[in-house]
Each structure stands twice: as structure tokens, then as C-alpha cells.
Amino acid sequence: MSFKIYTKTGDKGTTALWGGGRLPKYHLRIEAYGSLDELNANLGLLRDFCEQEEQRQQLLQIQERLFSLGTIMATAPEKADKVKQPDVLPEDVLQLENWMDAMDEHLAPLKNFVLPGGHPQVSRANIARTVCRRAERLAVALNEEQALPAVVLQYLNRLSDYLFIFGRFAAHCHQAEEVLWKPRG
């Protein structure tokens, strides 16, 4: 027997938290992990069009970590020590740094801001980066209200950097021009 995806429990504008409890769907906690869901969907699109197998595997691992971060954020703080949650470790942050360093070895030093675009893969990476930044801002705001594990903020901060480098690396791989921002005046 399969379960139905619709439960009708959210029809009055609330949603369930992991481990119990309900919050209004507009609550900061729901916005924060909802942005992670949006980011994960964007990373799926980025992965679908990625031609480099190494980066495809990296994106898949990142998507798995985002589900873990989402579970952490979707858990009622008072239930966090009572339910099993997947973990995100400091080693995961270090892994992002290592991947960035490996891609960065192929790139020219950056001395100016780069305008997003130049190739569809570059644009997808930049869209994911901006969604990641929003998710990070919401996580920081949530952390002000109810403390999150430090690794949550660290991972999101590093992930937005990773996506910036990923975009530059995609431009390099596709021999797309990086358009530098040239301010007037």
C-alpha cells in the first residue's frame, strides 16, 4: 500500500515540523528551509545540464547535504535532541573549499566583478548562487531567533562561494567570455 502525498493537514495554512509541532507556512523557519528546497531544485537543474562528471557528482553530494540542512531547519528546536537528524559536518565545509581550490587552479585571477551570464551553465550557477545567498540570509535571521548548529551557516556561506567559482569554471570549460563589470565614472 502506498501513501498519498496529500494529507490535507496544511489546508488551514500551517505545516508540520520534523519531530512534531506545527507552524504557519509564512514563519521564518519555513521560509528558511523553503529557500533550501528552492536552491536544491536549482542545483538539480544545474546538475542536469552539467557536462563535467566530477562537478555533476559534487552537485549531487551538495544536494544531499541540503536535504540534511533542511531537516535540521525543519526540526522544532525543542525536539532536536529527541529525533534522529542527518548530519552536516565541518568536513563538508572543507570539502567545498577543496573543490573550489581545484576549480580555481584553472581560472585567471579575478581582479574585477564579473557580470553573470555568458553561457547557460554560467547563468544557472549564478541563479543558484543568488538563491543560496537568500537561503543564507534567512538562516542567519532564524539563527538570531533560535540557534542553529554553526555548521549550517558555514556550509551555506561556503556554498555560495562554491557556486560563484562553479560559474567561473563553467565559463572556462565552455570557453565563454567572462564579462567584467566596468562602472561608469
N, C-alpha and C. Protein backbone atom coordinates (compact mmCIF):
# COMPACT_ATOMS: atom_id res chain seq x y z
N MET A 1 0.84 -1.18 0.00
CA MET A 1 0.00 0.00 0.00
C MET A 1 0.89 1.24 0.00
N SER A 2 0.57 2.18 -0.85
CA SER A 2 1.34 3.42 -0.89
C SER A 2 0.61 4.51 -0.12
N PHE A 3 1.34 5.53 0.25
CA PHE A 3 0.72 6.64 0.96
C PHE A 3 0.40 7.75 -0.04
N LYS A 4 -0.54 8.57 0.31
CA LYS A 4 -0.92 9.68 -0.55
C LYS A 4 -0.07 10.89 -0.19
N ILE A 5 0.32 11.62 -1.21
CA ILE A 5 1.16 12.80 -0.99
C ILE A 5 0.38 13.91 -0.32
N TYR A 6 -0.92 13.95 -0.55
CA TYR A 6 -1.71 14.99 0.07
C TYR A 6 -2.26 14.50 1.41
N THR A 7 -2.12 15.35 2.41
CA THR A 7 -2.58 14.99 3.76
C THR A 7 -3.75 15.85 4.21
N LYS A 8 -3.91 16.97 3.57
CA LYS A 8 -4.95 17.96 3.90
C LYS A 8 -4.68 18.66 5.23
N THR A 9 -3.58 18.31 5.90
CA THR A 9 -3.29 18.93 7.20
C THR A 9 -2.79 20.37 7.05
N GLY A 10 -2.37 20.76 5.86
CA GLY A 10 -1.91 22.13 5.65
C GLY A 10 -2.96 23.05 5.07
N ASP A 11 -4.18 22.56 4.96
CA ASP A 11 -5.24 23.36 4.33
C ASP A 11 -5.57 24.64 5.09
N LYS A 12 -5.20 24.71 6.34
CA LYS A 12 -5.51 25.92 7.12
C LYS A 12 -4.28 26.81 7.28
N GLY A 13 -3.25 26.56 6.45
CA GLY A 13 -2.10 27.47 6.43
C GLY A 13 -0.99 27.15 7.40
N THR A 14 -0.97 25.92 7.92
CA THR A 14 0.15 25.53 8.79
C THR A 14 0.84 24.32 8.18
N THR A 15 2.04 24.07 8.65
CA THR A 15 2.79 22.91 8.18
C THR A 15 3.46 22.24 9.37
N ALA A 16 3.68 20.95 9.24
CA ALA A 16 4.26 20.16 10.34
C ALA A 16 5.77 20.30 10.36
N LEU A 17 6.31 20.29 11.56
CA LEU A 17 7.76 20.26 11.75
C LEU A 17 8.20 18.82 11.99
N TRP A 18 9.45 18.54 11.69
CA TRP A 18 10.04 17.24 11.93
C TRP A 18 10.08 17.02 13.45
N GLY A 19 9.53 15.93 13.89
CA GLY A 19 9.52 15.64 15.32
C GLY A 19 8.27 16.13 16.02
N GLY A 20 7.40 16.82 15.30
CA GLY A 20 6.14 17.27 15.89
C GLY A 20 6.05 18.78 15.98
N GLY A 21 4.83 19.24 16.11
CA GLY A 21 4.54 20.67 16.16
C GLY A 21 4.19 21.20 14.79
N ARG A 22 3.55 22.34 14.76
CA ARG A 22 3.13 22.99 13.52
C ARG A 22 3.45 24.47 13.59
N LEU A 23 3.71 25.04 12.42
CA LEU A 23 3.96 26.48 12.30
C LEU A 23 3.18 27.02 11.11
N PRO A 24 2.86 28.33 11.14
CA PRO A 24 2.25 28.92 9.95
C PRO A 24 3.23 28.84 8.78
N LYS A 25 2.69 28.67 7.59
CA LYS A 25 3.54 28.49 6.42
C LYS A 25 4.38 29.71 6.09
N TYR A 26 4.05 30.86 6.66
CA TYR A 26 4.84 32.06 6.43
C TYR A 26 5.94 32.27 7.48
N HIS A 27 6.05 31.38 8.45
CA HIS A 27 7.02 31.51 9.54
C HIS A 27 8.45 31.53 8.97
N LEU A 28 9.32 32.27 9.63
CA LEU A 28 10.71 32.39 9.20
C LEU A 28 11.38 31.02 9.04
N ARG A 29 11.11 30.09 9.93
CA ARG A 29 11.71 28.75 9.83
C ARG A 29 11.28 28.09 8.52
N ILE A 30 10.01 28.23 8.15
CA ILE A 30 9.51 27.61 6.92
C ILE A 30 10.11 28.31 5.71
N GLU A 31 10.21 29.64 5.76
CA GLU A 31 10.84 30.40 4.67
C GLU A 31 12.30 29.96 4.50
N ALA A 32 12.99 29.74 5.61
CA ALA A 32 14.41 29.38 5.55
C ALA A 32 14.60 28.02 4.89
N TYR A 33 13.87 27.01 5.36
CA TYR A 33 14.10 25.71 4.71
C TYR A 33 13.38 25.60 3.38
N GLY A 34 12.38 26.43 3.14
CA GLY A 34 11.78 26.50 1.80
C GLY A 34 12.76 27.05 0.78
N SER A 35 13.59 27.99 1.19
CA SER A 35 14.63 28.51 0.29
C SER A 35 15.68 27.45 0.00
N LEU A 36 15.95 26.58 0.98
CA LEU A 36 16.87 25.47 0.71
C LEU A 36 16.27 24.53 -0.33
N ASP A 37 14.97 24.30 -0.26
CA ASP A 37 14.29 23.46 -1.23
C ASP A 37 14.39 24.08 -2.63
N GLU A 38 14.17 25.39 -2.71
CA GLU A 38 14.30 26.10 -3.99
C GLU A 38 15.74 26.00 -4.51
N LEU A 39 16.70 26.17 -3.63
CA LEU A 39 18.10 26.04 -4.01
C LEU A 39 18.39 24.65 -4.53
N ASN A 40 17.86 23.64 -3.84
CA ASN A 40 18.10 22.26 -4.25
C ASN A 40 17.52 22.00 -5.64
N ALA A 41 16.34 22.56 -5.92
CA ALA A 41 15.76 22.40 -7.25
C ALA A 41 16.64 23.07 -8.31
N ASN A 42 17.18 24.24 -8.00
CA ASN A 42 18.08 24.92 -8.93
C ASN A 42 19.36 24.13 -9.14
N LEU A 43 19.86 23.50 -8.08
CA LEU A 43 21.07 22.68 -8.22
C LEU A 43 20.78 21.44 -9.07
N GLY A 44 19.57 20.90 -8.96
CA GLY A 44 19.20 19.78 -9.82
C GLY A 44 19.24 20.18 -11.29
N LEU A 45 18.73 21.37 -11.60
CA LEU A 45 18.78 21.87 -12.97
C LEU A 45 20.23 22.10 -13.41
N LEU A 46 21.02 22.68 -12.54
CA LEU A 46 22.43 22.90 -12.83
C LEU A 46 23.13 21.57 -13.11
N ARG A 47 22.84 20.57 -12.30
CA ARG A 47 23.44 19.23 -12.47
C ARG A 47 22.97 18.58 -13.76
N ASP A 48 21.69 18.74 -14.10
CA ASP A 48 21.16 18.13 -15.32
C ASP A 48 21.88 18.60 -16.57
N PHE A 49 22.35 19.83 -16.55
CA PHE A 49 23.00 20.40 -17.74
C PHE A 49 24.53 20.43 -17.61
N CYS A 50 25.04 19.91 -16.53
CA CYS A 50 26.50 19.92 -16.32
C CYS A 50 27.14 18.80 -17.12
N GLU A 51 28.15 19.14 -17.89
CA GLU A 51 28.83 18.17 -18.75
C GLU A 51 30.06 17.55 -18.08
N GLN A 52 30.54 18.15 -17.02
CA GLN A 52 31.73 17.64 -16.33
C GLN A 52 31.28 16.67 -15.24
N GLU A 53 31.64 15.40 -15.37
CA GLU A 53 31.18 14.38 -14.44
C GLU A 53 31.60 14.66 -13.01
N GLU A 54 32.82 15.17 -12.82
CA GLU A 54 33.29 15.47 -11.46
C GLU A 54 32.39 16.50 -10.79
N GLN A 55 32.03 17.55 -11.51
CA GLN A 55 31.17 18.58 -10.95
C GLN A 55 29.73 18.07 -10.78
N ARG A 56 29.29 17.19 -11.68
CA ARG A 56 27.95 16.57 -11.51
C ARG A 56 27.88 15.81 -10.18
N GLN A 57 28.93 15.07 -9.87
CA GLN A 57 28.96 14.32 -8.62
C GLN A 57 29.03 15.25 -7.41
N GLN A 58 29.78 16.34 -7.55
CA GLN A 58 29.83 17.33 -6.47
C GLN A 58 28.44 17.90 -6.21
N LEU A 59 27.74 18.27 -7.27
CA LEU A 59 26.41 18.85 -7.12
C LEU A 59 25.45 17.86 -6.48
N LEU A 60 25.56 16.60 -6.83
CA LEU A 60 24.71 15.58 -6.23
C LEU A 60 24.97 15.49 -4.72
N GLN A 61 26.22 15.49 -4.34
CA GLN A 61 26.56 15.45 -2.91
C GLN A 61 26.05 16.69 -2.19
N ILE A 62 26.17 17.84 -2.83
CA ILE A 62 25.68 19.08 -2.24
C ILE A 62 24.16 19.00 -2.06
N GLN A 63 23.46 18.46 -3.05
CA GLN A 63 22.01 18.31 -2.92
C GLN A 63 21.66 17.44 -1.71
N GLU A 64 22.41 16.39 -1.50
CA GLU A 64 22.17 15.53 -0.34
C GLU A 64 22.40 16.29 0.96
N ARG A 65 23.44 17.11 1.01
CA ARG A 65 23.71 17.90 2.22
C ARG A 65 22.60 18.93 2.45
N LEU A 66 22.06 19.49 1.36
CA LEU A 66 20.98 20.47 1.52
C LEU A 66 19.73 19.82 2.11
N PHE A 67 19.46 18.57 1.74
CA PHE A 67 18.34 17.87 2.38
C PHE A 67 18.60 17.72 3.87
N SER A 68 19.84 17.44 4.23
CA SER A 68 20.19 17.33 5.65
C SER A 68 20.01 18.67 6.35
N LEU A 69 20.49 19.75 5.73
CA LEU A 69 20.31 21.08 6.31
C LEU A 69 18.83 21.41 6.46
N GLY A 70 18.04 21.05 5.46
CA GLY A 70 16.61 21.30 5.52
C GLY A 70 15.95 20.55 6.67
N THR A 71 16.38 19.32 6.90
CA THR A 71 15.84 18.54 8.01
C THR A 71 16.20 19.18 9.34
N ILE A 72 17.42 19.66 9.45
CA ILE A 72 17.85 20.35 10.68
C ILE A 72 16.97 21.57 10.91
N MET A 73 16.74 22.36 9.85
CA MET A 73 15.94 23.57 10.00
C MET A 73 14.46 23.27 10.21
N ALA A 74 14.00 22.13 9.70
CA ALA A 74 12.58 21.77 9.81
C ALA A 74 12.25 21.09 11.14
N THR A 75 13.24 20.93 11.98
CA THR A 75 13.02 20.29 13.27
C THR A 75 12.74 21.35 14.32
N ALA A 76 11.67 21.16 15.05
CA ALA A 76 11.35 22.06 16.15
C ALA A 76 12.52 22.06 17.13
N PRO A 77 13.01 23.24 17.54
CA PRO A 77 14.19 23.30 18.41
C PRO A 77 14.05 22.45 19.67
N GLU A 78 12.86 22.42 20.25
CA GLU A 78 12.67 21.65 21.48
C GLU A 78 12.66 20.15 21.23
N LYS A 79 12.61 19.74 19.96
CA LYS A 79 12.60 18.31 19.62
C LYS A 79 13.94 17.85 19.06
N ALA A 80 14.87 18.79 18.84
CA ALA A 80 16.12 18.47 18.15
C ALA A 80 16.91 17.34 18.81
N ASP A 81 16.87 17.26 20.13
CA ASP A 81 17.64 16.21 20.80
C ASP A 81 16.82 14.92 20.95
N LYS A 82 15.57 14.92 20.48
CA LYS A 82 14.71 13.75 20.64
C LYS A 82 14.49 12.99 19.33
N VAL A 83 14.84 13.60 18.21
CA VAL A 83 14.65 12.93 16.91
C VAL A 83 16.00 12.78 16.22
N LYS A 84 16.11 11.72 15.44
CA LYS A 84 17.34 11.49 14.69
C LYS A 84 17.35 12.42 13.48
N GLN A 85 18.42 13.17 13.35
CA GLN A 85 18.60 14.08 12.22
C GLN A 85 19.85 13.68 11.44
N PRO A 86 19.80 13.84 10.12
CA PRO A 86 21.04 13.65 9.36
C PRO A 86 22.02 14.75 9.72
N ASP A 87 23.29 14.48 9.55
CA ASP A 87 24.27 15.48 9.96
C ASP A 87 24.93 16.16 8.77
N VAL A 88 25.41 17.34 9.04
CA VAL A 88 26.32 18.06 8.15
C VAL A 88 27.51 18.38 9.03
N LEU A 89 28.69 18.05 8.55
CA LEU A 89 29.89 18.12 9.38
C LEU A 89 30.83 19.22 8.90
N PRO A 90 31.72 19.66 9.77
CA PRO A 90 32.74 20.63 9.33
C PRO A 90 33.54 20.12 8.13
N GLU A 91 33.69 18.81 8.02
CA GLU A 91 34.40 18.23 6.88
C GLU A 91 33.68 18.52 5.56
N ASP A 92 32.36 18.67 5.62
CA ASP A 92 31.60 19.01 4.42
C ASP A 92 31.92 20.42 3.95
N VAL A 93 32.13 21.33 4.89
CA VAL A 93 32.53 22.70 4.55
C VAL A 93 33.93 22.67 3.92
N LEU A 94 34.82 21.91 4.52
CA LEU A 94 36.17 21.77 3.99
C LEU A 94 36.15 21.16 2.59
N GLN A 95 35.24 20.22 2.35
CA GLN A 95 35.13 19.62 1.03
C GLN A 95 34.78 20.67 -0.02
N LEU A 96 33.85 21.56 0.31
CA LEU A 96 33.52 22.65 -0.62
C LEU A 96 34.75 23.49 -0.93
N GLU A 97 35.53 23.80 0.10
CA GLU A 97 36.75 24.59 -0.10
C GLU A 97 37.73 23.87 -1.01
N ASN A 98 37.88 22.56 -0.81
CA ASN A 98 38.79 21.78 -1.65
C ASN A 98 38.33 21.77 -3.10
N TRP A 99 37.04 21.61 -3.31
CA TRP A 99 36.51 21.64 -4.68
C TRP A 99 36.72 23.00 -5.32
N MET A 100 36.51 24.06 -4.54
CA MET A 100 36.74 25.41 -5.07
C MET A 100 38.19 25.59 -5.47
N ASP A 101 39.09 25.17 -4.60
CA ASP A 101 40.52 25.32 -4.88
C ASP A 101 40.91 24.58 -6.16
N ALA A 102 40.36 23.38 -6.35
CA ALA A 102 40.68 22.59 -7.55
C ALA A 102 40.17 23.28 -8.81
N MET A 103 38.96 23.84 -8.78
CA MET A 103 38.44 24.55 -9.96
C MET A 103 39.21 25.84 -10.19
N ASP A 104 39.53 26.54 -9.10
CA ASP A 104 40.20 27.83 -9.19
C ASP A 104 41.58 27.74 -9.83
N GLU A 105 42.21 26.57 -9.75
CA GLU A 105 43.53 26.38 -10.37
C GLU A 105 43.48 26.60 -11.88
N HIS A 106 42.31 26.43 -12.48
CA HIS A 106 42.15 26.56 -13.93
C HIS A 106 41.74 27.96 -14.36
N LEU A 107 41.55 28.86 -13.40
CA LEU A 107 40.97 30.17 -13.69
C LEU A 107 42.00 31.29 -13.57
N ALA A 108 41.80 32.31 -14.37
CA ALA A 108 42.63 33.51 -14.26
C ALA A 108 42.29 34.22 -12.95
N PRO A 109 43.27 34.87 -12.35
CA PRO A 109 42.97 35.62 -11.12
C PRO A 109 41.88 36.65 -11.37
N LEU A 110 41.03 36.83 -10.40
CA LEU A 110 39.91 37.76 -10.52
C LEU A 110 40.29 39.10 -9.92
N LYS A 111 40.17 40.15 -10.72
CA LYS A 111 40.51 41.49 -10.25
C LYS A 111 39.34 42.45 -10.32
N ASN A 112 38.24 42.01 -10.93
CA ASN A 112 37.04 42.83 -11.08
C ASN A 112 35.82 41.97 -10.78
N PHE A 113 34.69 42.62 -10.59
CA PHE A 113 33.44 41.89 -10.50
C PHE A 113 33.11 41.35 -11.89
N VAL A 114 32.48 40.19 -11.93
CA VAL A 114 32.09 39.55 -13.19
C VAL A 114 30.58 39.61 -13.31
N LEU A 115 30.09 40.04 -14.47
CA LEU A 115 28.65 40.06 -14.70
C LEU A 115 28.16 38.64 -14.95
N PRO A 116 27.04 38.26 -14.34
CA PRO A 116 26.51 36.92 -14.59
C PRO A 116 26.14 36.76 -16.07
N GLY A 117 26.35 35.57 -16.58
CA GLY A 117 25.97 35.26 -17.96
C GLY A 117 27.16 34.81 -18.78
N GLY A 118 26.92 34.65 -20.06
CA GLY A 118 27.97 34.22 -20.98
C GLY A 118 27.74 32.82 -21.52
N HIS A 119 27.02 31.99 -20.76
CA HIS A 119 26.69 30.63 -21.16
C HIS A 119 25.56 30.17 -20.25
N PRO A 120 24.64 29.35 -20.76
CA PRO A 120 23.53 28.90 -19.90
C PRO A 120 23.98 28.25 -18.59
N GLN A 121 25.08 27.52 -18.61
CA GLN A 121 25.56 26.87 -17.37
C GLN A 121 26.06 27.92 -16.37
N VAL A 122 26.69 28.95 -16.88
CA VAL A 122 27.16 30.04 -16.02
C VAL A 122 25.96 30.75 -15.39
N SER A 123 24.95 31.01 -16.20
CA SER A 123 23.75 31.68 -15.70
C SER A 123 23.03 30.83 -14.65
N ARG A 124 22.92 29.53 -14.90
CA ARG A 124 22.27 28.64 -13.92
C ARG A 124 23.04 28.65 -12.60
N ALA A 125 24.36 28.64 -12.68
CA ALA A 125 25.17 28.67 -11.46
C ALA A 125 24.94 29.96 -10.69
N ASN A 126 24.82 31.08 -11.40
CA ASN A 126 24.60 32.36 -10.74
C ASN A 126 23.20 32.48 -10.15
N ILE A 127 22.21 31.90 -10.81
CA ILE A 127 20.87 31.87 -10.21
C ILE A 127 20.90 31.06 -8.92
N ALA A 128 21.54 29.89 -8.96
CA ALA A 128 21.66 29.06 -7.75
C ALA A 128 22.41 29.82 -6.66
N ARG A 129 23.45 30.56 -7.04
CA ARG A 129 24.23 31.33 -6.06
C ARG A 129 23.37 32.37 -5.37
N THR A 130 22.53 33.06 -6.13
CA THR A 130 21.70 34.10 -5.51
C THR A 130 20.62 33.49 -4.61
N VAL A 131 20.08 32.34 -5.00
CA VAL A 131 19.11 31.65 -4.14
C VAL A 131 19.82 31.18 -2.86
N CYS A 132 21.05 30.72 -3.01
CA CYS A 132 21.84 30.30 -1.85
C CYS A 132 22.06 31.47 -0.90
N ARG A 133 22.38 32.63 -1.44
CA ARG A 133 22.59 33.82 -0.60
C ARG A 133 21.32 34.17 0.17
N ARG A 134 20.16 34.06 -0.49
CA ARG A 134 18.90 34.33 0.21
C ARG A 134 18.67 33.30 1.30
N ALA A 135 18.91 32.03 0.99
CA ALA A 135 18.75 30.98 1.99
C ALA A 135 19.67 31.25 3.18
N GLU A 136 20.88 31.70 2.90
CA GLU A 136 21.82 32.02 3.97
C GLU A 136 21.30 33.18 4.82
N ARG A 137 20.79 34.23 4.17
CA ARG A 137 20.25 35.37 4.93
C ARG A 137 19.10 34.94 5.83
N LEU A 138 18.23 34.09 5.32
CA LEU A 138 17.10 33.61 6.13
C LEU A 138 17.59 32.72 7.27
N ALA A 139 18.60 31.90 7.01
CA ALA A 139 19.16 31.06 8.07
C ALA A 139 19.80 31.92 9.15
N VAL A 140 20.48 32.98 8.77
CA VAL A 140 21.08 33.89 9.75
C VAL A 140 19.98 34.54 10.59
N ALA A 141 18.90 34.97 9.95
CA ALA A 141 17.78 35.57 10.69
C ALA A 141 17.16 34.54 11.65
N LEU A 142 16.99 33.32 11.19
CA LEU A 142 16.44 32.27 12.05
C LEU A 142 17.38 31.99 13.22
N ASN A 143 18.67 31.99 12.93
CA ASN A 143 19.67 31.76 13.97
C ASN A 143 19.61 32.83 15.06
N GLU A 144 19.22 34.05 14.69
CA GLU A 144 19.06 35.12 15.68
C GLU A 144 17.93 34.80 16.66
N GLU A 145 16.89 34.12 16.16
CA GLU A 145 15.74 33.77 16.99
C GLU A 145 15.96 32.47 17.76
N GLN A 146 16.47 31.47 17.06
CA GLN A 146 16.68 30.14 17.66
C GLN A 146 17.96 29.59 17.07
N ALA A 147 18.92 29.35 17.92
CA ALA A 147 20.25 28.97 17.46
C ALA A 147 20.23 27.71 16.60
N LEU A 148 20.93 27.80 15.49
CA LEU A 148 21.16 26.66 14.60
C LEU A 148 22.58 26.17 14.83
N PRO A 149 22.87 24.93 14.49
CA PRO A 149 24.26 24.48 14.56
C PRO A 149 25.13 25.38 13.67
N ALA A 150 26.30 25.75 14.14
CA ALA A 150 27.17 26.68 13.41
C ALA A 150 27.48 26.19 12.01
N VAL A 151 27.56 24.89 11.82
CA VAL A 151 27.91 24.34 10.51
C VAL A 151 26.85 24.67 9.45
N VAL A 152 25.61 24.92 9.86
CA VAL A 152 24.56 25.28 8.90
C VAL A 152 24.93 26.59 8.21
N LEU A 153 25.26 27.60 8.99
CA LEU A 153 25.62 28.90 8.42
C LEU A 153 26.94 28.82 7.65
N GLN A 154 27.89 28.06 8.17
CA GLN A 154 29.17 27.92 7.49
C GLN A 154 29.00 27.25 6.13
N TYR A 155 28.20 26.20 6.10
CA TYR A 155 28.01 25.47 4.85
C TYR A 155 27.35 26.36 3.80
N LEU A 156 26.31 27.07 4.18
CA LEU A 156 25.62 27.93 3.22
C LEU A 156 26.51 29.06 2.73
N ASN A 157 27.30 29.62 3.62
CA ASN A 157 28.22 30.68 3.22
C ASN A 157 29.25 30.16 2.21
N ARG A 158 29.79 29.01 2.49
CA ARG A 158 30.79 28.44 1.61
C ARG A 158 30.17 27.97 0.30
N LEU A 159 28.93 27.49 0.37
CA LEU A 159 28.26 27.01 -0.84
C LEU A 159 28.04 28.14 -1.84
N SER A 160 27.69 29.32 -1.37
CA SER A 160 27.52 30.42 -2.32
C SER A 160 28.85 30.76 -2.99
N ASP A 161 29.95 30.67 -2.25
CA ASP A 161 31.26 30.87 -2.86
C ASP A 161 31.56 29.79 -3.89
N TYR A 162 31.23 28.54 -3.52
CA TYR A 162 31.42 27.41 -4.44
C TYR A 162 30.67 27.67 -5.74
N LEU A 163 29.42 28.12 -5.64
CA LEU A 163 28.62 28.34 -6.85
C LEU A 163 29.17 29.47 -7.71
N PHE A 164 29.78 30.47 -7.09
CA PHE A 164 30.44 31.52 -7.85
C PHE A 164 31.61 30.94 -8.64
N ILE A 165 32.45 30.16 -7.96
CA ILE A 165 33.60 29.54 -8.63
C ILE A 165 33.12 28.55 -9.68
N PHE A 166 32.06 27.80 -9.36
CA PHE A 166 31.49 26.86 -10.32
C PHE A 166 31.10 27.59 -11.61
N GLY A 167 30.47 28.75 -11.48
CA GLY A 167 30.10 29.54 -12.65
C GLY A 167 31.30 29.98 -13.46
N ARG A 168 32.33 30.41 -12.78
CA ARG A 168 33.55 30.81 -13.48
C ARG A 168 34.20 29.60 -14.16
N PHE A 169 34.20 28.47 -13.48
CA PHE A 169 34.77 27.25 -14.05
C PHE A 169 33.96 26.81 -15.28
N ALA A 170 32.64 26.93 -15.19
CA ALA A 170 31.78 26.58 -16.34
C ALA A 170 32.12 27.49 -17.52
N ALA A 171 32.33 28.77 -17.27
CA ALA A 171 32.71 29.69 -18.34
C ALA A 171 34.03 29.24 -18.98
N HIS A 172 34.97 28.85 -18.13
CA HIS A 172 36.26 28.36 -18.62
C HIS A 172 36.08 27.10 -19.48
N CYS A 173 35.30 26.15 -18.99
CA CYS A 173 35.10 24.88 -19.71
C CYS A 173 34.39 25.09 -21.05
N HIS A 174 33.50 26.04 -21.11
CA HIS A 174 32.74 26.30 -22.33
C HIS A 174 33.36 27.41 -23.17
N GLN A 175 34.53 27.87 -22.76
CA GLN A 175 35.25 28.94 -23.45
C GLN A 175 34.35 30.16 -23.66
N ALA A 176 33.56 30.45 -22.62
CA ALA A 176 32.69 31.62 -22.65
C ALA A 176 33.43 32.81 -22.07
N GLU A 177 33.19 33.95 -22.64
CA GLU A 177 33.83 35.16 -22.15
C GLU A 177 33.24 35.56 -20.80
N GLU A 178 34.12 35.90 -19.87
CA GLU A 178 33.67 36.48 -18.61
C GLU A 178 33.64 37.99 -18.82
N VAL A 179 32.48 38.55 -18.68
CA VAL A 179 32.33 39.99 -18.89
C VAL A 179 32.56 40.68 -17.56
N LEU A 180 33.58 41.51 -17.53
CA LEU A 180 33.92 42.23 -16.31
C LEU A 180 33.06 43.46 -16.17
N TRP A 181 32.68 43.77 -14.96
CA TRP A 181 31.90 44.96 -14.69
C TRP A 181 32.83 46.17 -14.80
N LYS A 182 32.40 47.13 -15.58
CA LYS A 182 33.16 48.37 -15.77
C LYS A 182 32.25 49.53 -15.37
N PRO A 183 32.38 50.00 -14.15
CA PRO A 183 31.50 51.08 -13.70
C PRO A 183 31.76 52.38 -14.45
N ARG A 184 30.72 53.13 -14.65
CA ARG A 184 30.88 54.46 -15.27
C ARG A 184 31.55 55.41 -14.27
N GLY A 185 32.24 56.34 -14.81
CA GLY A 185 32.80 57.40 -13.99
C GLY A 185 34.10 57.10 -13.51
